[in-house]
Protein backbone atom coordinates (compact mmCIF):
# COMPACT_ATOMS: atom_id res chain seq x y z
CA MET A 1 -40.64 -209.34 60.69
CA LYS A 2 -38.43 -211.55 58.46
CA ASP A 3 -40.73 -211.02 55.42
CA LEU A 4 -40.85 -207.32 55.95
CA LEU A 5 -37.12 -206.96 56.13
CA GLU A 6 -36.69 -209.14 53.16
CA THR A 7 -39.19 -207.13 51.09
CA ILE A 8 -37.49 -203.82 51.96
CA ALA A 9 -34.08 -205.22 51.01
CA ARG A 10 -35.23 -206.71 47.73
CA ALA A 11 -36.73 -203.38 46.73
CA LEU A 12 -33.43 -201.61 47.31
CA ALA A 13 -31.18 -204.18 45.79
CA ASP A 14 -30.03 -204.47 42.15
CA ARG A 15 -29.73 -208.22 42.67
CA PRO A 16 -32.74 -209.12 44.65
CA ASP A 17 -32.23 -212.92 44.26
CA ASP A 18 -29.14 -212.51 46.38
CA VAL A 19 -31.07 -211.11 49.32
CA SER A 20 -31.49 -213.41 52.30
CA VAL A 21 -32.60 -213.05 55.88
CA THR A 22 -32.02 -215.50 58.67
CA GLU A 23 -33.49 -215.21 62.13
CA ALA A 24 -32.29 -216.43 65.45
CA GLU A 25 -33.66 -216.19 69.00
CA VAL A 26 -30.90 -214.83 71.34
CA ASP A 27 -31.55 -213.79 74.94
CA ASN A 28 -35.27 -212.97 74.50
CA SER A 29 -34.52 -211.06 71.30
CA LEU A 30 -35.12 -211.89 67.71
CA VAL A 31 -31.95 -211.30 65.65
CA LEU A 32 -32.45 -210.85 61.95
CA GLU A 33 -29.35 -211.10 59.75
CA LEU A 34 -29.67 -209.52 56.39
CA ARG A 35 -27.29 -210.61 53.62
CA VAL A 36 -27.14 -208.91 50.25
CA ALA A 37 -24.61 -209.08 47.28
CA GLN A 38 -21.39 -207.14 47.73
CA GLU A 39 -22.38 -204.46 45.12
CA ASP A 40 -25.74 -203.84 46.88
CA MET A 41 -24.19 -203.40 50.36
CA GLY A 42 -23.76 -199.61 49.82
CA LYS A 43 -27.46 -199.24 48.82
CA VAL A 44 -28.73 -201.04 51.85
CA ILE A 45 -26.46 -199.07 54.26
CA GLY A 46 -26.69 -195.73 52.65
CA LYS A 47 -24.74 -192.58 53.13
CA GLN A 48 -23.68 -192.43 56.75
CA GLY A 49 -25.85 -195.47 57.49
CA LYS A 50 -29.22 -193.53 57.09
CA ILE A 51 -30.91 -196.19 55.03
CA ALA A 52 -29.84 -198.98 57.50
CA LYS A 53 -30.99 -196.79 60.38
CA ALA A 54 -34.45 -196.22 58.64
CA ILE A 55 -34.75 -200.03 57.96
CA ARG A 56 -33.99 -200.77 61.62
CA THR A 57 -36.50 -198.17 62.68
CA LEU A 58 -39.28 -199.78 60.62
CA ILE A 59 -38.53 -203.18 61.81
CA LYS A 60 -38.62 -202.05 65.47
CA ALA A 61 -41.82 -200.23 64.86
CA ALA A 62 -43.39 -203.43 63.57
CA ALA A 63 -41.97 -205.42 66.41
CA VAL A 64 -43.57 -203.20 69.04
CA LYS A 65 -46.97 -204.10 67.64
CA GLU A 66 -46.10 -207.69 68.35
CA ASN A 67 -44.52 -206.96 71.65
CA LYS A 68 -41.14 -208.29 70.61
CA HIS A 69 -37.45 -207.05 70.65
CA VAL A 70 -35.77 -207.24 67.31
CA VAL A 71 -32.14 -206.57 66.29
CA VAL A 72 -31.32 -206.19 62.59
CA GLU A 73 -27.73 -206.95 61.69
CA ILE A 74 -26.34 -206.37 58.07
CA VAL A 75 -23.75 -209.01 57.42
CA GLN A 76 -21.59 -210.00 54.45
């Protein structure tokens, strides 16, 4: 999951070296925190959050295959 999220975010970002993903286990859920450069925040979130929603949908679809519950958070 972490690698998939990082690959997607790096493809969207102008500064891919500033992309980082951390993961933590919270209440039987895997929480993935995505951090990008400030100027790339708009590209990762998209207009009205459409890109962020699409990213979350892809990650959740991949998580279903592994029988896991995943939460994606985009943080600064």
